[in-house]
Amino acid sequence: MHIRLLLCVLLLSFAAGCSMVRLGYGQLDTLAGWRAQSYFDFDTAQRESFGQRFARLHVWHRSEQLPEYARFLTETRSRAERGLQAKDILWLIDGIKARYGVIAERAAPDAAELLAGLTPAQVDHLKREFEKENRKFLREHRSNESAENRRQAQNRRTLKQLRDWVGTLSVEQEQRITELMREQPLIDRLRHEDRLRRQKEFLALLEIRDGDRKVFAARLRDWLVNWEQGRPPALTKAFEESWKKRAAFYAAVDDMLTPTQRGHLLRRLQNYSADFIALAGESPAVAKSEKSDCAKIASC
């Protein structure tokens, strides 16, 4: 079960658009069903079971988690208003991880029941999907190319993210940001290594799905919730150092923001918080109707 989709709404819908958070959240069941199908090639009964289980998770998430997300973003906005320091960035990262853990804990029992019914052919299908996604990751991050090409790919992603959050950057700002990025480690290969680790662990878990269901459910829950624990010590240390340097980088970028850019950032955070509050008060039926109406409006 691709449960990270719920938390990804908080992250991936931070793109341009008048109601992208609300539109994206309303489409989450469709997106989740499509993603799960691409991974597992479910039969009809499995698709129906996934849809029912995900719908329950979605209802819980809407009523219980979205108000808390709004509070989280309100606190993030307060910190951004007075100026972000490295410790604030690390606080934000830890907060996102913790909220993923809450979703994983909730979804784990349903995920175990659904995954226990996979056929060998469906597991083989999953392996091929993993291989395809891994190739895509390496291609997008240019991980098999020179350090300079990898650096250029990282710079492009970072500059795009910053423009999404704060608006247009000046030439001088982009030059300074690019200089600061030179001090950041290239971690795409580490991320790829960690992806392979997680995939290997998951496939090993699926090998015991036909045995004791309680044991399988407990181990799956642990794999979902404690997703960083299986890292080798050297990899753990490398990621920790990378996040510290990344936090210092974002704090340095924050120092160079103009009042207009900071206002852009604060408005976005406020709008997202308001969207989460509005979504929490909507019934699934209302959300579905709004999603359909919104799709008909070109300006939305």
Protein backbone atom coordinates (compact mmCIF):
# COMPACT_ATOMS: atom_id res chain seq x y z
CA MET A 1 0.00 0.00 0.00
CA HIS A 2 1.53 3.27 -1.13
CA ILE A 3 0.70 5.13 2.11
CA ARG A 4 3.25 7.88 1.57
CA LEU A 5 0.82 9.38 -0.92
CA LEU A 6 -1.14 10.95 1.91
CA LEU A 7 1.85 12.78 3.32
CA CYS A 8 3.06 13.61 -0.16
CA VAL A 9 0.02 15.86 -0.54
CA LEU A 10 1.63 18.08 2.06
CA LEU A 11 4.85 18.12 0.06
CA LEU A 12 4.11 17.66 -3.63
CA SER A 13 1.07 19.93 -3.84
CA PHE A 14 3.21 22.91 -2.86
CA ALA A 15 3.24 23.88 -6.51
CA ALA A 16 1.66 26.79 -8.29
CA GLY A 17 -2.12 26.93 -8.61
CA CYS A 18 -5.11 28.50 -6.91
CA SER A 19 -6.32 25.36 -5.14
CA MET A 20 -3.72 22.70 -5.81
CA VAL A 21 -3.76 21.37 -2.26
CA ARG A 22 -7.52 20.94 -2.26
CA LEU A 23 -7.64 19.60 -5.81
CA GLY A 24 -4.76 17.18 -5.20
CA TYR A 25 -6.22 15.92 -1.96
CA GLY A 26 -9.59 15.33 -3.56
CA GLN A 27 -7.93 13.18 -6.21
CA LEU A 28 -5.83 11.23 -3.74
CA ASP A 29 -7.94 8.06 -3.88
CA THR A 30 -7.62 7.95 -7.66
CA LEU A 31 -3.89 8.60 -7.53
CA ALA A 32 -3.36 6.00 -4.81
CA GLY A 33 -5.35 3.39 -6.70
CA TRP A 34 -3.42 4.05 -9.90
CA ARG A 35 -0.08 3.90 -8.08
CA ALA A 36 -0.92 0.70 -6.23
CA GLN A 37 -2.09 -0.90 -9.46
CA SER A 38 1.13 0.03 -11.22
CA TYR A 39 3.14 -1.58 -8.43
CA PHE A 40 1.16 -4.76 -7.85
CA ASP A 41 -1.05 -5.41 -10.88
CA PHE A 42 -4.05 -6.14 -8.64
CA ASP A 43 -6.94 -8.29 -9.77
CA THR A 44 -10.50 -6.98 -9.48
CA ALA A 45 -11.06 -8.16 -5.91
CA GLN A 46 -7.74 -6.76 -4.75
CA ARG A 47 -8.47 -3.39 -6.38
CA GLU A 48 -11.79 -3.23 -4.58
CA SER A 49 -10.20 -4.19 -1.28
CA PHE A 50 -7.49 -1.56 -1.73
CA GLY A 51 -10.08 1.09 -2.57
CA GLN A 52 -12.14 0.33 0.53
CA ARG A 53 -9.12 0.29 2.84
CA PHE A 54 -7.68 3.46 1.39
CA ALA A 55 -11.04 5.22 1.64
CA ARG A 56 -11.12 4.51 5.39
CA LEU A 57 -7.57 5.78 5.76
CA HIS A 58 -8.46 8.87 3.76
CA VAL A 59 -11.47 9.69 5.95
CA TRP A 60 -9.38 9.31 9.11
CA HIS A 61 -6.61 11.43 7.65
CA ARG A 62 -9.01 14.18 6.61
CA SER A 63 -10.62 14.53 10.01
CA GLU A 64 -7.73 13.72 12.34
CA GLN A 65 -4.55 14.77 10.57
CA LEU A 66 -5.33 17.77 8.40
CA PRO A 67 -6.16 20.08 11.34
CA GLU A 68 -2.82 19.12 12.88
CA TYR A 69 -1.08 19.82 9.56
CA ALA A 70 -2.63 23.27 9.57
CA ARG A 71 -1.21 23.92 13.04
CA PHE A 72 2.17 22.66 11.87
CA LEU A 73 2.15 25.04 8.91
CA THR A 74 1.02 27.93 11.10
CA GLU A 75 4.04 27.39 13.34
CA THR A 76 6.23 27.07 10.23
CA ARG A 77 4.89 30.42 9.03
CA SER A 78 5.64 32.07 12.37
CA ARG A 79 9.22 30.87 12.17
CA ALA A 80 9.54 31.99 8.55
CA GLU A 81 8.15 35.41 9.42
CA ARG A 82 10.92 36.10 11.91
CA GLY A 83 13.59 34.48 9.71
CA LEU A 84 14.50 30.84 9.35
CA GLN A 85 17.59 29.49 11.06
CA ALA A 86 19.20 26.11 10.54
CA LYS A 87 17.50 24.77 13.66
CA ASP A 88 14.11 25.71 12.18
CA ILE A 89 14.83 23.75 9.01
CA LEU A 90 15.82 20.68 11.05
CA TRP A 91 12.64 21.11 13.12
CA LEU A 92 10.62 21.13 9.89
CA ILE A 93 12.34 17.99 8.60
CA ASP A 94 11.75 16.17 11.88
CA GLY A 95 8.12 17.27 11.84
CA ILE A 96 7.53 15.86 8.37
CA LYS A 97 9.14 12.56 9.34
CA ALA A 98 7.01 12.31 12.48
CA ARG A 99 3.80 12.91 10.54
CA TYR A 100 4.72 10.21 8.07
CA GLY A 101 5.18 7.87 11.02
CA VAL A 102 1.65 8.56 12.23
CA ILE A 103 0.19 7.63 8.84
CA ALA A 104 2.38 4.52 8.59
CA GLU A 105 1.25 3.34 12.02
CA ARG A 106 -2.39 3.76 11.08
CA ALA A 107 -2.12 2.12 7.67
CA ALA A 108 0.10 -0.82 8.63
CA PRO A 109 -2.64 -3.36 9.59
CA ASP A 110 -4.58 -2.86 6.35
CA ALA A 111 -1.36 -2.94 4.34
CA ALA A 112 -0.41 -6.27 5.92
CA GLU A 113 -3.76 -7.86 5.09
CA LEU A 114 -3.64 -6.66 1.51
CA LEU A 115 -0.01 -7.58 0.86
CA ALA A 116 -0.45 -11.05 2.36
CA GLY A 117 -2.63 -11.94 -0.63
CA LEU A 118 -0.08 -11.12 -3.33
CA THR A 119 0.70 -13.85 -5.81
CA PRO A 120 4.26 -14.74 -6.91
CA ALA A 121 3.52 -13.18 -10.29
CA GLN A 122 2.52 -9.92 -8.61
CA VAL A 123 5.73 -9.88 -6.58
CA ASP A 124 7.67 -10.34 -9.83
CA HIS A 125 5.70 -7.44 -11.29
CA LEU A 126 6.70 -5.31 -8.29
CA LYS A 127 10.37 -6.15 -8.82
CA ARG A 128 10.16 -4.94 -12.41
CA GLU A 129 8.50 -1.71 -11.26
CA PHE A 130 11.28 -1.16 -8.75
CA GLU A 131 13.87 -1.66 -11.49
CA LYS A 132 12.07 0.81 -13.77
CA GLU A 133 11.83 3.44 -11.03
CA ASN A 134 15.48 2.98 -10.12
CA ARG A 135 16.53 3.58 -13.71
CA LYS A 136 14.39 6.70 -13.79
CA PHE A 137 15.94 7.99 -10.57
CA LEU A 138 19.46 7.51 -11.91
CA ARG A 139 18.55 9.19 -15.18
CA GLU A 140 16.87 12.22 -13.60
CA HIS A 141 19.70 12.75 -11.11
CA ARG A 142 22.35 11.97 -13.75
CA SER A 143 23.92 9.71 -11.14
CA ASN A 144 25.99 7.70 -13.61
CA GLU A 145 27.54 10.83 -15.10
CA SER A 146 30.32 13.16 -13.98
CA ALA A 147 30.25 15.03 -10.67
CA GLU A 148 29.71 18.27 -12.56
CA ASN A 149 26.65 16.93 -14.37
CA ARG A 150 25.25 15.60 -11.09
CA ARG A 151 25.87 19.02 -9.55
CA GLN A 152 24.05 20.77 -12.38
CA ALA A 153 21.04 18.48 -11.94
CA GLN A 154 20.99 19.17 -8.21
CA ASN A 155 21.25 22.93 -8.80
CA ARG A 156 18.32 22.91 -11.22
CA ARG A 157 16.10 21.06 -8.77
CA THR A 158 17.05 23.36 -5.91
CA LEU A 159 16.52 26.58 -7.85
CA LYS A 160 13.14 25.37 -9.08
CA GLN A 161 12.05 24.54 -5.52
CA LEU A 162 13.15 27.93 -4.27
CA ARG A 163 11.30 29.76 -7.05
CA ASP A 164 8.16 27.81 -6.19
CA TRP A 165 8.40 28.95 -2.58
CA VAL A 166 9.60 32.56 -2.83
CA GLY A 167 8.91 33.66 -6.38
CA THR A 168 11.37 35.11 -8.88
CA LEU A 169 15.04 35.11 -7.92
CA SER A 170 17.40 37.81 -9.10
CA VAL A 171 20.48 36.98 -11.17
CA GLU A 172 22.66 37.85 -8.20
CA GLN A 173 20.65 35.59 -5.91
CA GLU A 174 20.86 32.67 -8.32
CA GLN A 175 24.60 33.12 -8.63
CA ARG A 176 25.03 33.22 -4.85
CA ILE A 177 22.77 30.19 -4.37
CA THR A 178 24.76 28.26 -6.97
CA GLU A 179 27.96 29.14 -5.09
CA LEU A 180 26.43 27.94 -1.82
CA MET A 181 25.35 24.72 -3.48
CA ARG A 182 29.00 23.94 -4.19
CA GLU A 183 29.36 23.36 -0.45
CA GLN A 184 26.56 20.80 -0.43
CA PRO A 185 27.44 17.12 -0.76
CA LEU A 186 26.13 15.19 -3.74
CA ILE A 187 23.85 12.61 -2.16
CA ASP A 188 21.98 11.21 -5.16
CA ARG A 189 24.03 8.02 -5.10
CA LEU A 190 23.50 7.68 -1.35
CA ARG A 191 19.77 8.09 -1.90
CA HIS A 192 19.88 5.44 -4.60
CA GLU A 193 21.73 3.10 -2.25
CA ASP A 194 19.09 3.71 0.40
CA ARG A 195 16.29 3.05 -2.09
CA LEU A 196 17.85 -0.29 -2.95
CA ARG A 197 18.14 -1.13 0.74
CA ARG A 198 14.47 -0.40 1.35
CA GLN A 199 13.36 -2.35 -1.68
CA LYS A 200 15.48 -5.34 -0.68
CA GLU A 201 14.02 -5.27 2.84
CA PHE A 202 10.47 -5.06 1.49
CA LEU A 203 10.93 -7.96 -0.90
CA ALA A 204 12.41 -10.02 1.94
CA LEU A 205 9.32 -9.23 4.01
CA LEU A 206 7.05 -10.43 1.23
CA GLU A 207 8.81 -13.79 1.31
CA ILE A 208 7.23 -14.48 4.73
CA ARG A 209 3.72 -13.25 3.87
CA ASP A 210 2.38 -16.83 3.65
CA GLY A 211 3.55 -17.73 7.15
CA ASP A 212 2.42 -16.38 10.52
CA ARG A 213 0.20 -13.37 9.71
CA LYS A 214 0.89 -11.72 13.07
CA VAL A 215 4.63 -11.93 12.58
CA PHE A 216 4.32 -10.57 9.04
CA ALA A 217 2.09 -7.69 10.18
CA ALA A 218 4.45 -6.76 13.03
CA ARG A 219 7.52 -6.77 10.82
CA LEU A 220 5.77 -4.80 8.09
CA ARG A 221 4.63 -2.22 10.63
CA ASP A 222 8.20 -1.86 11.87
CA TRP A 223 9.49 -1.50 8.31
CA LEU A 224 6.95 1.20 7.53
CA VAL A 225 7.29 3.23 10.72
CA ASN A 226 11.02 2.91 11.39
CA TRP A 227 12.14 3.33 7.82
CA GLU A 228 15.59 4.77 8.64
CA GLN A 229 16.65 2.15 11.17
CA GLY A 230 18.00 -0.37 8.71
CA ARG A 231 20.62 1.99 7.33
CA PRO A 232 24.27 1.03 7.79
CA PRO A 233 26.01 3.35 10.29
CA ALA A 234 28.13 5.02 7.61
CA LEU A 235 25.05 5.80 5.52
CA THR A 236 23.19 7.12 8.55
CA LYS A 237 26.06 9.44 9.38
CA ALA A 238 26.29 10.65 5.78
CA PHE A 239 22.58 11.51 5.69
CA GLU A 240 22.73 13.28 9.05
CA GLU A 241 25.65 15.43 7.92
CA SER A 242 23.90 16.15 4.64
CA TRP A 243 20.75 17.39 6.39
CA LYS A 244 22.78 19.63 8.68
CA LYS A 245 24.53 21.21 5.71
CA ARG A 246 21.25 21.52 3.84
CA ALA A 247 19.67 23.26 6.82
CA ALA A 248 22.55 25.73 6.96
CA PHE A 249 22.16 26.31 3.21
CA TYR A 250 18.44 27.14 3.48
CA ALA A 251 19.13 29.45 6.41
CA ALA A 252 21.67 31.28 4.26
CA VAL A 253 19.13 31.56 1.44
CA ASP A 254 16.57 32.89 3.89
CA ASP A 255 18.99 35.68 4.81
CA MET A 256 19.04 36.94 1.24
CA LEU A 257 15.26 37.09 0.72
CA THR A 258 13.71 40.43 -0.14
CA PRO A 259 10.54 41.61 1.65
CA THR A 260 8.57 40.70 -1.49
CA GLN A 261 9.99 37.19 -1.56
CA ARG A 262 9.34 36.66 2.14
CA GLY A 263 5.79 37.88 1.66
CA HIS A 264 5.36 35.34 -1.15
CA LEU A 265 6.57 32.56 1.15
CA LEU A 266 4.32 33.62 4.03
CA ARG A 267 1.23 33.86 1.82
CA ARG A 268 1.80 30.39 0.45
CA LEU A 269 2.14 28.91 3.90
CA GLN A 270 -1.00 30.72 5.03
CA ASN A 271 -2.96 29.55 1.99
CA TYR A 272 -1.91 25.95 2.49
CA SER A 273 -2.88 26.07 6.14
CA ALA A 274 -6.28 27.48 5.21
CA ASP A 275 -6.73 24.75 2.60
CA PHE A 276 -6.04 22.03 5.15
CA ILE A 277 -8.57 23.53 7.56
CA ALA A 278 -11.18 23.72 4.80
CA LEU A 279 -10.49 20.16 3.70
CA ALA A 280 -10.81 18.86 7.24
CA GLY A 281 -14.35 20.23 7.40
CA GLU A 282 -15.49 18.70 4.12
CA SER A 283 -17.18 15.33 3.75
CA PRO A 284 -15.72 12.97 1.13
CA ALA A 285 -18.84 13.45 -1.00
CA VAL A 286 -18.42 17.23 -1.00
CA ALA A 287 -14.73 16.88 -1.84
CA LYS A 288 -15.55 14.61 -4.79
CA SER A 289 -18.07 17.09 -6.11
CA GLU A 290 -15.66 19.98 -5.73
CA LYS A 291 -12.92 18.01 -7.50
CA SER A 292 -15.21 17.43 -10.47
CA ASP A 293 -16.29 21.06 -10.59
CA CYS A 294 -12.74 22.32 -10.28
CA ALA A 295 -11.57 20.20 -13.19
CA LYS A 296 -14.04 22.07 -15.41
CA ILE A 297 -12.62 25.49 -14.54
CA ALA A 298 -9.63 26.36 -16.65
CA SER A 299 -8.40 29.02 -14.24
CA CYS A 300 -8.31 26.68 -11.24
